[in-house]
Amino acid sequence: MKITEINDITVYVSNAEKQVLDTIRRAGRPLHSFSEHEQFIIDNLVRKDLVIKEGDIYPRVFANENKKTS
């Protein structure tokens, strides 16, 4: 089995996901600073590999700038 890296993959996001992602792109923020609904959206963005969550007790979220969105 040969594994190849594909760089031209675009991940589609909803309007709500795009809005939350734009606020994260400006600067990394603590996860607790978002509302419960926004945290749910952030979990979806983590699954799509568009957001990186760092830390265990007080996690911070950062945008993954290597991924393309549409």
Protein backbone atom coordinates (compact mmCIF):
# COMPACT_ATOMS: atom_id res chain seq x y z
CA MET A 1 0.00 0.00 0.00
CA LYS A 2 1.38 3.38 -0.98
CA ILE A 3 0.39 6.47 0.94
CA THR A 4 0.54 9.74 -0.93
CA GLU A 5 -0.06 13.25 0.28
CA ILE A 6 -2.77 15.16 -1.53
CA ASN A 7 -2.50 18.92 -1.20
CA ASP A 8 -5.48 19.99 -3.29
CA ILE A 9 -8.25 18.84 -0.95
CA THR A 10 -10.84 21.46 -0.07
CA VAL A 11 -12.97 21.07 3.07
CA TYR A 12 -16.46 22.54 2.91
CA VAL A 13 -17.76 24.43 5.93
CA SER A 14 -21.16 25.83 6.85
CA ASN A 15 -21.79 29.53 7.42
CA ALA A 16 -21.74 29.06 11.22
CA GLU A 17 -18.47 27.11 11.03
CA LYS A 18 -16.93 29.81 8.81
CA GLN A 19 -17.90 32.54 11.27
CA VAL A 20 -16.35 30.71 14.25
CA LEU A 21 -13.27 29.81 12.20
CA ASP A 22 -12.75 33.47 11.28
CA THR A 23 -12.75 34.47 14.97
CA ILE A 24 -10.20 31.73 15.74
CA ARG A 25 -7.93 32.75 12.84
CA ARG A 26 -7.37 36.20 14.31
CA ALA A 27 -5.72 34.76 17.44
CA GLY A 28 -5.73 31.55 19.43
CA ARG A 29 -8.29 31.70 22.21
CA PRO A 30 -9.14 29.62 25.26
CA LEU A 31 -11.95 27.17 24.56
CA HIS A 32 -13.95 28.30 27.62
CA SER A 33 -14.26 31.81 26.14
CA PHE A 34 -16.70 30.48 23.53
CA SER A 35 -20.39 29.77 24.12
CA GLU A 36 -21.61 26.17 24.38
CA HIS A 37 -22.96 26.30 20.82
CA GLU A 38 -19.67 27.65 19.49
CA GLN A 39 -17.78 24.91 21.37
CA PHE A 40 -19.94 22.32 19.60
CA ILE A 41 -19.05 23.91 16.25
CA ILE A 42 -15.36 23.97 17.24
CA ASP A 43 -15.51 20.23 17.97
CA ASN A 44 -16.79 19.71 14.41
CA LEU A 45 -13.94 21.85 13.06
CA VAL A 46 -11.44 19.78 15.06
CA ARG A 47 -12.86 16.61 13.45
CA LYS A 48 -12.46 18.24 10.03
CA ASP A 49 -8.83 19.09 10.97
CA LEU A 50 -9.43 22.82 10.49
CA VAL A 51 -8.82 23.69 14.15
CA ILE A 52 -6.14 22.48 16.54
CA LYS A 53 -6.99 22.07 20.22
CA GLU A 54 -4.02 22.20 22.62
CA GLY A 55 -4.02 21.50 26.33
CA ASP A 56 -5.94 19.26 28.70
CA ILE A 57 -7.15 21.32 31.63
CA TYR A 58 -7.56 24.72 29.92
CA PRO A 59 -7.48 23.96 26.18
CA ARG A 60 -6.74 26.67 23.62
CA VAL A 61 -7.85 26.50 20.00
CA PHE A 62 -5.89 27.60 16.95
CA ALA A 63 -6.77 27.59 13.26
CA ASN A 64 -4.92 25.04 11.11
CA GLU A 65 -3.61 27.33 8.37
CA ASN A 66 -2.50 24.40 6.18
CA LYS A 67 -6.08 23.46 5.21
CA LYS A 68 -8.18 25.06 2.45
CA THR A 69 -11.85 25.85 3.10
CA SER A 70 -14.72 26.75 0.87
